[in-house]
Amino acid sequence: MKIRKNILEGMEQKVYIYENKKEEFFLIAVPAIEWSYSFKYEDDNVQSKLLHSLTERVPTEKAETLSSRIVQWTTEM
């Protein structure tokens, strides 16, 4: 599991990223906003799906930033 720090809504928040290589999926959690999401390696349009899910918890502008960071972090792994 990787832990990344993100500044969201003026506060530093931890983003937990779990990668299951055997079953080929990621599980992302941000406890500060009570949000989590999982997706498989082969899923299409991951960033737009993350954005849609995040906009239920945070403003659209912040959701766009966080979703792009999550995609970047998961592709680095």
Protein backbone atom coordinates (compact mmCIF):
# COMPACT_ATOMS: atom_id res chain seq x y z
CA MET A 1 0.00 0.00 0.00
CA LYS A 2 1.19 3.47 -0.85
CA ILE A 3 0.21 6.62 1.01
CA ARG A 4 0.29 9.94 -0.82
CA LYS A 5 -0.33 13.38 0.63
CA ASN A 6 -2.77 15.70 -1.10
CA ILE A 7 -3.84 19.24 -0.30
CA LEU A 8 -7.61 19.43 -0.65
CA GLU A 9 -9.95 22.06 0.75
CA GLY A 10 -7.00 23.78 2.43
CA MET A 11 -6.00 20.72 4.43
CA GLU A 12 -3.39 18.04 3.93
CA GLN A 13 -5.08 14.71 3.41
CA LYS A 14 -3.76 11.20 3.01
CA VAL A 15 -4.66 9.19 -0.08
CA TYR A 16 -4.26 5.44 0.42
CA ILE A 17 -3.54 3.40 -2.71
CA TYR A 18 -3.67 -0.38 -2.55
CA GLU A 19 -2.63 -2.40 -5.59
CA ASN A 20 -3.59 -6.07 -5.92
CA LYS A 21 -1.32 -7.35 -8.67
CA LYS A 22 -2.72 -10.87 -8.61
CA GLU A 23 -6.32 -9.77 -9.24
CA GLU A 24 -5.23 -6.67 -11.19
CA PHE A 25 -7.06 -3.87 -9.42
CA PHE A 26 -6.49 -0.73 -7.35
CA LEU A 27 -8.36 0.38 -4.25
CA ILE A 28 -8.15 4.08 -3.45
CA ALA A 29 -9.33 5.63 -0.17
CA VAL A 30 -9.42 9.17 1.20
CA PRO A 31 -10.70 8.87 4.78
CA ALA A 32 -10.84 12.65 5.34
CA ILE A 33 -13.70 12.94 2.82
CA GLU A 34 -15.10 9.45 3.55
CA TRP A 35 -14.50 8.29 -0.01
CA SER A 36 -13.14 5.14 -1.63
CA TYR A 37 -13.10 3.67 -5.11
CA SER A 38 -11.77 0.56 -6.80
CA PHE A 39 -11.00 -0.14 -10.43
CA LYS A 40 -9.39 -2.84 -12.53
CA TYR A 41 -6.30 -2.37 -14.68
CA GLU A 42 -8.27 -2.77 -17.90
CA ASP A 43 -11.08 -0.34 -17.01
CA ASP A 44 -11.68 2.44 -19.54
CA ASN A 45 -12.18 6.13 -18.70
CA VAL A 46 -10.88 5.74 -15.16
CA GLN A 47 -10.32 9.45 -14.68
CA SER A 48 -13.88 10.38 -15.69
CA LYS A 49 -15.30 7.67 -13.40
CA LEU A 50 -13.16 8.91 -10.51
CA LEU A 51 -14.26 12.46 -11.24
CA HIS A 52 -17.93 11.49 -11.23
CA SER A 53 -17.52 9.66 -7.92
CA LEU A 54 -15.50 12.44 -6.29
CA THR A 55 -17.94 15.21 -7.26
CA GLU A 56 -20.40 13.66 -4.82
CA ARG A 57 -17.96 14.55 -1.99
CA VAL A 58 -16.01 17.64 -3.07
CA PRO A 59 -16.44 20.58 -5.48
CA THR A 60 -15.86 19.81 -9.16
CA GLU A 61 -12.59 21.77 -9.43
CA LYS A 62 -11.03 19.89 -6.51
CA ALA A 63 -12.41 16.59 -7.82
CA GLU A 64 -10.74 17.20 -11.19
CA THR A 65 -7.38 17.82 -9.51
CA LEU A 66 -7.61 14.79 -7.24
CA SER A 67 -8.80 12.43 -9.98
CA SER A 68 -5.90 13.40 -12.23
CA ARG A 69 -3.42 12.91 -9.37
CA ILE A 70 -4.86 9.48 -8.59
CA VAL A 71 -4.52 8.42 -12.22
CA GLN A 72 -0.93 9.67 -12.25
CA TRP A 73 -0.06 7.89 -8.99
CA THR A 74 -1.60 4.59 -10.08
CA THR A 75 0.13 4.61 -13.45
CA GLU A 76 3.47 5.13 -11.68
CA MET A 77 3.04 1.98 -9.65
